[in-house]
Amino acid sequence: MSNKMAKTLARQKEKIAEGNYYEAHQQFRVITARYLKASDYNSAADLLASGSLLLLRAGQGGSGGDLALTLVTDVYIKAQWPLNKENKDRILEVLKAFPAGEPTRKRFIQELGNWMTKDGIEGSNSERGDAELHHEIGLIFANEGEAYEAEKHLLLGQTPQSVQPLTNLHYQWYKEDSPHTAAIYASRSVLPYLVLGNLQAATTAMAVFTSQLLSSNASIPTQTIESSKSSVRIFPSLPLLNFLSLLILAVQKGDKALFQQLAKHYAAHLKDANELWSDALAQIGEIWFGIRIPRQGGNPLFDMMGSMFFGGNQQKPAGRSSTPKPAQPQISGGAASKEKPPVAMDLD
């Protein structure tokens, strides 16, 4: 940072300390405009990042957010800055300085999404964006209890570190609902991970969820189906949870016949389940087993995920959580529903 820049920041810092927020914000805007006009993007970025941090930390979300937005739109996007460590670290520091609920943060994250997916920018991914940034955004929302926003970014991040906080979020969410709905919450990580082609994450998510379920409910009945090559824990009172476990096994084995056998064995339960499970399973059938589905306009994979996992048209329930619950399947028999273990299945 140049001496001139350091002096500019020192003067604005004094104004902010004195409570002259508007004047400091306007000075940041005026000086930044000069740098941008001269295409001096490095100086503009230094000033905008520093200014936004000073104002955000002083509780001035609107003014700080305005500078943060300018940093992304007028520097990162217009100058086509790459998604490298330096640029991501700078933007994450600004993101973490936003207070929870600050309105400009939503647009700031949207603009980050535009940067992460913009064609021509080094390191961008036109479909999913940057895994590390999505992970960090997801953690922020998870800590604030914003379940839908958290799961969206943690799923799109798909870093190995994202699975545990995502599954923790779903399990804590499940604890506010009826005991027999466990599969619905487990599915919110397992199914989209499989749709996204990430078998390892789906397997880990299922293991973490069922481990927490057993830890919290030591008396819950379980059985084990074993073969010479496989072992699956079965919950007689939770048929759809068993379906998810066996679905993962079918994917691990690449066994189309087992996948189709599962569909028949659990047909009654799946018929009553949320119809969006059918969309996910159709995608999984095509991705993992080559079972073709009709092509439609748009991107059916992300349309399905958007409807099923990221909120959709769901209603807020009256209860302890301010987060809407997922649409629930009407599982026959509720908590008392019992399943005969599918022992006839070929798990080898």
Protein backbone atom coordinates (compact mmCIF):
# COMPACT_ATOMS: atom_id res chain seq x y z
CA MET A 1 0.00 0.00 0.00
CA SER A 2 1.38 3.40 -1.00
CA ASN A 3 1.95 6.24 1.45
CA LYS A 4 -0.79 8.22 -0.28
CA MET A 5 -3.25 5.37 0.20
CA ALA A 6 -2.24 4.92 3.83
CA LYS A 7 -2.85 8.64 4.53
CA THR A 8 -6.24 8.50 2.81
CA LEU A 9 -7.31 5.56 4.94
CA ALA A 10 -6.02 7.19 8.12
CA ARG A 11 -8.10 10.33 7.45
CA GLN A 12 -11.26 8.35 6.75
CA LYS A 13 -10.68 6.17 9.78
CA GLU A 14 -10.61 9.30 11.95
CA LYS A 15 -13.90 10.50 10.44
CA ILE A 16 -15.52 7.15 11.13
CA ALA A 17 -14.24 7.18 14.72
CA GLU A 18 -15.82 10.61 15.11
CA GLY A 19 -19.13 9.32 13.75
CA ASN A 20 -18.90 11.15 10.41
CA TYR A 21 -19.95 8.03 8.50
CA TYR A 22 -21.63 9.73 5.56
CA GLU A 23 -18.66 11.99 4.86
CA ALA A 24 -16.23 9.09 5.03
CA HIS A 25 -18.41 6.99 2.73
CA GLN A 26 -18.62 9.78 0.16
CA GLN A 27 -14.86 10.32 0.23
CA PHE A 28 -14.28 6.62 -0.38
CA ARG A 29 -16.67 6.80 -3.34
CA VAL A 30 -15.03 9.90 -4.87
CA ILE A 31 -11.46 8.64 -4.57
CA THR A 32 -12.38 5.18 -5.80
CA ALA A 33 -14.03 6.69 -8.89
CA ARG A 34 -10.71 8.32 -9.79
CA TYR A 35 -8.85 5.04 -9.51
CA LEU A 36 -11.47 3.22 -11.58
CA LYS A 37 -11.40 5.92 -14.29
CA ALA A 38 -7.64 5.43 -14.53
CA SER A 39 -8.09 1.64 -14.58
CA ASP A 40 -5.99 1.44 -11.42
CA TYR A 41 -7.92 -1.57 -10.16
CA ASN A 42 -5.37 -2.58 -7.52
CA SER A 43 -5.65 0.76 -5.72
CA ALA A 44 -9.43 0.77 -6.10
CA ALA A 45 -9.63 -2.70 -4.58
CA ASP A 46 -7.40 -1.76 -1.64
CA LEU A 47 -9.47 1.33 -0.90
CA LEU A 48 -12.86 -0.33 -1.33
CA ALA A 49 -11.96 -3.36 0.78
CA SER A 50 -10.46 -1.26 3.56
CA GLY A 51 -13.30 1.25 3.49
CA SER A 52 -16.01 -1.38 3.57
CA LEU A 53 -14.34 -3.13 6.50
CA LEU A 54 -14.05 0.11 8.48
CA LEU A 55 -17.71 0.99 7.92
CA LEU A 56 -19.10 -2.50 8.42
CA ARG A 57 -17.20 -2.92 11.68
CA ALA A 58 -18.54 0.46 12.79
CA GLY A 59 -22.07 -0.89 12.32
CA GLN A 60 -22.70 0.97 9.06
CA GLY A 61 -24.05 -1.92 7.02
CA GLY A 62 -25.56 0.15 4.22
CA SER A 63 -22.48 2.28 3.56
CA GLY A 64 -20.03 -0.58 4.06
CA GLY A 65 -22.18 -2.84 1.92
CA ASP A 66 -22.24 -0.25 -0.87
CA LEU A 67 -18.43 -0.20 -1.01
CA ALA A 68 -18.31 -3.99 -0.86
CA LEU A 69 -20.70 -4.24 -3.81
CA THR A 70 -18.58 -1.80 -5.81
CA LEU A 71 -15.52 -3.93 -5.07
CA VAL A 72 -17.15 -6.98 -6.66
CA THR A 73 -19.01 -5.35 -9.56
CA ASP A 74 -16.52 -2.66 -10.64
CA VAL A 75 -13.25 -4.44 -9.87
CA TYR A 76 -13.62 -8.21 -9.60
CA ILE A 77 -16.15 -8.58 -12.42
CA LYS A 78 -15.33 -5.69 -14.76
CA ALA A 79 -11.58 -6.25 -14.52
CA GLN A 80 -12.13 -10.03 -14.70
CA TRP A 81 -9.99 -10.75 -11.68
CA PRO A 82 -9.20 -14.46 -11.25
CA LEU A 83 -10.53 -16.64 -8.45
CA ASN A 84 -7.17 -16.99 -6.75
CA LYS A 85 -6.30 -17.15 -3.07
CA GLU A 86 -5.51 -13.45 -2.68
CA ASN A 87 -8.77 -12.28 -4.24
CA LYS A 88 -10.86 -14.82 -2.37
CA ASP A 89 -9.23 -14.04 0.97
CA ARG A 90 -9.94 -10.32 0.52
CA ILE A 91 -13.58 -10.88 -0.39
CA LEU A 92 -14.14 -13.37 2.44
CA GLU A 93 -12.80 -10.91 5.00
CA VAL A 94 -15.35 -8.37 3.77
CA LEU A 95 -18.16 -10.96 3.72
CA LYS A 96 -17.52 -12.01 7.31
CA ALA A 97 -17.69 -8.38 8.45
CA PHE A 98 -21.34 -8.02 7.40
CA PRO A 99 -23.76 -8.10 10.32
CA ALA A 100 -26.42 -10.81 10.20
CA GLY A 101 -29.56 -9.64 8.46
CA GLU A 102 -27.91 -6.71 6.67
CA PRO A 103 -29.97 -6.30 3.43
CA THR A 104 -27.00 -5.42 1.22
CA ARG A 105 -25.31 -8.72 2.11
CA LYS A 106 -27.83 -10.66 0.03
CA ARG A 107 -26.97 -8.69 -3.09
CA PHE A 108 -23.28 -8.89 -2.25
CA ILE A 109 -23.50 -12.70 -2.21
CA GLN A 110 -25.46 -12.63 -5.48
CA GLU A 111 -22.69 -10.59 -7.10
CA LEU A 112 -20.11 -13.01 -5.73
CA GLY A 113 -22.09 -15.71 -7.50
CA ASN A 114 -21.88 -13.73 -10.75
CA TRP A 115 -18.11 -13.45 -10.34
CA MET A 116 -17.71 -17.16 -9.51
CA THR A 117 -19.64 -18.25 -12.59
CA LYS A 118 -18.73 -15.60 -15.18
CA ASP A 119 -17.26 -16.93 -18.41
CA GLY A 120 -13.75 -15.71 -19.16
CA ILE A 121 -12.67 -15.35 -15.53
CA GLU A 122 -9.81 -17.62 -14.59
CA GLY A 123 -10.90 -20.26 -12.09
CA SER A 124 -14.64 -19.69 -12.55
CA ASN A 125 -17.16 -22.52 -12.85
CA SER A 126 -20.13 -21.54 -14.98
CA GLU A 127 -22.46 -24.03 -13.26
CA ARG A 128 -21.49 -24.20 -9.59
CA GLY A 129 -19.04 -21.44 -8.78
CA ASP A 130 -16.11 -21.73 -6.37
CA ALA A 131 -16.25 -24.54 -3.82
CA GLU A 132 -14.32 -22.73 -1.08
CA LEU A 133 -16.42 -19.56 -1.32
CA HIS A 134 -19.66 -21.54 -1.28
CA HIS A 135 -18.41 -23.45 1.77
CA GLU A 136 -17.62 -20.28 3.70
CA ILE A 137 -20.93 -18.66 2.75
CA GLY A 138 -22.74 -21.82 3.82
CA LEU A 139 -21.03 -21.82 7.22
CA ILE A 140 -22.10 -18.22 7.83
CA PHE A 141 -25.74 -19.05 7.10
CA ALA A 142 -25.56 -22.26 9.13
CA ASN A 143 -24.30 -20.36 12.17
CA GLU A 144 -27.20 -17.92 11.77
CA GLY A 145 -29.77 -20.71 11.50
CA GLU A 146 -30.64 -19.94 7.87
CA ALA A 147 -31.09 -23.56 6.85
CA TYR A 148 -32.12 -23.24 3.21
CA GLU A 149 -29.37 -20.75 2.33
CA ALA A 150 -26.80 -22.77 4.27
CA GLU A 151 -27.58 -26.08 2.58
CA LYS A 152 -27.59 -24.50 -0.87
CA HIS A 153 -24.07 -23.15 -0.52
CA LEU A 154 -22.68 -26.15 1.38
CA LEU A 155 -24.00 -28.49 -1.32
CA LEU A 156 -22.66 -26.38 -4.16
CA GLY A 157 -19.35 -26.08 -2.33
CA GLN A 158 -18.90 -29.84 -2.14
CA THR A 159 -15.63 -29.53 -0.23
CA PRO A 160 -14.81 -32.46 2.08
CA GLN A 161 -15.21 -30.02 4.97
CA SER A 162 -18.79 -29.14 3.94
CA VAL A 163 -20.36 -32.54 4.65
CA GLN A 164 -20.19 -32.46 8.45
CA PRO A 165 -21.74 -29.00 9.00
CA LEU A 166 -24.41 -29.73 6.38
CA THR A 167 -25.37 -33.02 8.01
CA ASN A 168 -25.27 -31.43 11.48
CA LEU A 169 -27.64 -28.75 10.19
CA HIS A 170 -30.05 -31.37 8.85
CA TYR A 171 -29.95 -33.42 12.01
CA GLN A 172 -30.62 -30.42 14.26
CA TRP A 173 -33.46 -29.49 11.92
CA TYR A 174 -34.83 -33.03 12.14
CA LYS A 175 -34.85 -32.92 15.96
CA GLU A 176 -37.59 -30.28 15.78
CA ASP A 177 -39.81 -32.63 13.77
CA SER A 178 -41.49 -36.02 14.26
CA PRO A 179 -39.19 -39.02 14.87
CA HIS A 180 -40.41 -40.93 11.80
CA THR A 181 -39.30 -38.13 9.42
CA ALA A 182 -35.58 -38.89 9.75
CA ALA A 183 -35.24 -39.98 6.12
CA ILE A 184 -36.56 -36.66 4.83
CA TYR A 185 -33.78 -34.74 6.54
CA ALA A 186 -31.08 -37.29 5.69
CA SER A 187 -32.20 -37.13 2.07
CA ARG A 188 -31.47 -33.41 1.90
CA SER A 189 -27.76 -34.19 1.78
CA VAL A 190 -27.70 -37.77 0.45
CA LEU A 191 -29.86 -37.29 -2.66
CA PRO A 192 -28.38 -34.02 -3.95
CA TYR A 193 -24.83 -35.28 -3.38
CA LEU A 194 -25.68 -38.31 -5.53
CA VAL A 195 -27.30 -36.08 -8.15
CA LEU A 196 -24.12 -33.98 -8.17
CA GLY A 197 -22.05 -37.14 -8.66
CA ASN A 198 -20.37 -37.07 -5.26
CA LEU A 199 -20.70 -40.59 -3.87
CA GLN A 200 -18.10 -40.08 -1.14
CA ALA A 201 -19.96 -37.07 0.27
CA ALA A 202 -23.30 -38.91 0.13
CA THR A 203 -21.79 -41.89 1.96
CA THR A 204 -20.23 -39.70 4.64
CA ALA A 205 -23.43 -37.70 5.11
CA MET A 206 -25.46 -40.87 5.61
CA ALA A 207 -22.94 -42.24 8.12
CA VAL A 208 -22.87 -39.00 10.10
CA PHE A 209 -26.67 -38.69 10.18
CA THR A 210 -27.32 -42.28 11.28
CA SER A 211 -24.53 -42.04 13.87
CA GLN A 212 -26.18 -38.99 15.42
CA LEU A 213 -29.55 -40.71 15.26
CA LEU A 214 -28.24 -43.69 17.21
CA SER A 215 -26.40 -41.50 19.71
CA SER A 216 -29.55 -39.53 20.47
CA ASN A 217 -31.86 -42.57 20.46
CA ALA A 218 -30.00 -45.46 22.06
CA SER A 219 -33.18 -47.55 22.29
CA ILE A 220 -34.10 -47.31 18.61
CA PRO A 221 -34.36 -50.84 17.17
CA THR A 222 -31.82 -51.76 14.49
CA GLN A 223 -30.85 -54.85 12.52
CA THR A 224 -27.93 -55.64 10.27
CA ILE A 225 -28.06 -57.20 6.82
CA GLU A 226 -24.74 -58.83 5.98
CA SER A 227 -23.29 -60.59 3.00
CA SER A 228 -19.79 -61.72 2.16
CA LYS A 229 -18.99 -58.23 0.82
CA SER A 230 -21.46 -55.78 2.38
CA SER A 231 -23.03 -54.83 5.68
CA VAL A 232 -26.00 -52.47 6.03
CA ARG A 233 -27.67 -51.24 9.23
CA ILE A 234 -31.46 -51.39 9.01
CA PHE A 235 -33.97 -49.40 11.08
CA PRO A 236 -37.25 -51.41 11.04
CA SER A 237 -39.34 -48.36 11.94
CA LEU A 238 -37.75 -46.09 9.30
CA PRO A 239 -38.22 -47.69 5.87
CA LEU A 240 -37.17 -44.69 3.79
CA LEU A 241 -33.96 -44.31 5.79
CA ASN A 242 -33.18 -47.92 4.91
CA PHE A 243 -33.92 -47.12 1.29
CA LEU A 244 -31.30 -44.36 1.33
CA SER A 245 -28.68 -46.69 2.82
CA LEU A 246 -29.37 -49.35 0.22
CA LEU A 247 -29.45 -46.75 -2.55
CA ILE A 248 -25.91 -45.73 -1.62
CA LEU A 249 -24.90 -49.38 -1.64
CA ALA A 250 -26.37 -49.83 -5.13
CA VAL A 251 -24.40 -46.82 -6.37
CA GLN A 252 -21.20 -48.06 -4.73
CA LYS A 253 -21.63 -51.41 -6.49
CA GLY A 254 -22.77 -49.86 -9.76
CA ASP A 255 -25.61 -52.38 -9.61
CA LYS A 256 -28.50 -51.36 -11.86
CA ALA A 257 -30.47 -54.49 -10.93
CA LEU A 258 -30.22 -53.69 -7.20
CA PHE A 259 -31.34 -50.12 -7.90
CA GLN A 260 -34.40 -51.41 -9.74
CA GLN A 261 -35.04 -54.02 -7.05
CA LEU A 262 -35.02 -51.28 -4.42
CA ALA A 263 -37.63 -49.34 -6.37
CA LYS A 264 -39.93 -52.36 -6.34
CA HIS A 265 -39.30 -53.34 -2.71
CA TYR A 266 -39.98 -49.80 -1.43
CA ALA A 267 -42.66 -48.91 -3.99
CA ALA A 268 -45.39 -48.41 -1.39
CA HIS A 269 -43.25 -46.09 0.73
CA LEU A 270 -41.89 -44.17 -2.25
CA LYS A 271 -45.39 -43.72 -3.65
CA ASP A 272 -46.41 -41.81 -0.55
CA ALA A 273 -43.17 -39.85 -0.34
CA ASN A 274 -42.58 -36.34 -1.59
CA GLU A 275 -42.90 -36.52 -5.39
CA LEU A 276 -39.65 -34.57 -5.74
CA TRP A 277 -37.85 -37.69 -4.53
CA SER A 278 -38.95 -39.19 -7.84
CA ASP A 279 -37.17 -36.42 -9.75
CA ALA A 280 -33.99 -36.97 -7.75
CA LEU A 281 -34.13 -40.73 -8.20
CA ALA A 282 -34.69 -40.35 -11.94
CA GLN A 283 -31.56 -38.21 -12.13
CA ILE A 284 -29.61 -40.73 -10.03
CA GLY A 285 -30.81 -43.56 -12.26
CA GLU A 286 -29.47 -41.79 -15.32
CA ILE A 287 -26.21 -40.56 -13.78
CA TRP A 288 -25.18 -43.78 -12.05
CA PHE A 289 -26.99 -46.56 -13.94
CA GLY A 290 -27.54 -45.22 -17.45
CA ILE A 291 -31.34 -45.26 -17.22
CA ARG A 292 -32.29 -42.49 -19.63
CA ILE A 293 -34.93 -39.92 -18.73
CA PRO A 294 -36.76 -37.61 -21.18
CA ARG A 295 -34.91 -34.42 -21.97
CA GLN A 296 -36.61 -31.11 -21.18
CA GLY A 297 -35.69 -27.47 -21.58
CA GLY A 298 -33.42 -25.78 -19.07
CA ASN A 299 -31.24 -27.62 -16.60
CA PRO A 300 -33.45 -30.31 -14.98
CA LEU A 301 -30.75 -31.23 -12.46
CA PHE A 302 -30.62 -27.78 -10.92
CA ASP A 303 -34.36 -27.20 -11.38
CA MET A 304 -34.97 -30.31 -9.29
CA MET A 305 -32.46 -29.28 -6.64
CA GLY A 306 -33.91 -25.80 -6.51
CA SER A 307 -37.40 -27.13 -5.87
CA MET A 308 -36.55 -29.93 -3.48
CA PHE A 309 -33.64 -28.71 -1.44
CA PHE A 310 -33.52 -24.93 -1.52
CA GLY A 311 -36.90 -23.94 -0.19
CA GLY A 312 -39.28 -24.13 -3.13
CA ASN A 313 -42.81 -23.01 -2.24
CA GLN A 314 -42.72 -24.35 1.28
CA GLN A 315 -44.66 -22.78 4.13
CA LYS A 316 -43.34 -21.79 7.52
CA PRO A 317 -44.82 -24.00 10.24
CA ALA A 318 -45.97 -22.85 13.62
CA GLY A 319 -43.24 -24.10 15.92
CA ARG A 320 -39.87 -23.41 17.46
CA SER A 321 -37.95 -22.94 14.25
CA SER A 322 -38.27 -19.90 12.01
CA THR A 323 -37.04 -22.04 9.13
CA PRO A 324 -39.70 -23.75 6.98
CA LYS A 325 -39.79 -27.52 7.29
CA PRO A 326 -39.40 -29.62 4.16
CA ALA A 327 -42.51 -31.00 2.55
CA GLN A 328 -43.13 -34.29 4.31
CA PRO A 329 -44.12 -37.61 2.81
CA GLN A 330 -47.24 -39.13 4.29
CA ILE A 331 -45.52 -42.31 5.44
CA SER A 332 -48.08 -45.01 6.03
CA GLY A 333 -48.45 -45.72 9.72
CA GLY A 334 -46.21 -42.87 10.85
CA ALA A 335 -43.83 -43.75 13.64
CA ALA A 336 -45.39 -47.17 14.05
CA SER A 337 -44.61 -48.24 10.47
CA LYS A 338 -42.48 -51.38 10.43
CA GLU A 339 -40.45 -52.86 7.65
CA LYS A 340 -39.37 -56.39 7.04
CA PRO A 341 -35.65 -56.28 6.26
CA PRO A 342 -35.09 -56.84 2.55
CA VAL A 343 -33.10 -60.02 3.17
CA ALA A 344 -33.85 -61.37 -0.29
CA MET A 345 -31.81 -58.67 -1.94
CA ASP A 346 -28.51 -59.67 -3.46
CA LEU A 347 -26.04 -57.47 -1.56
CA ASP A 348 -23.04 -59.19 -3.10
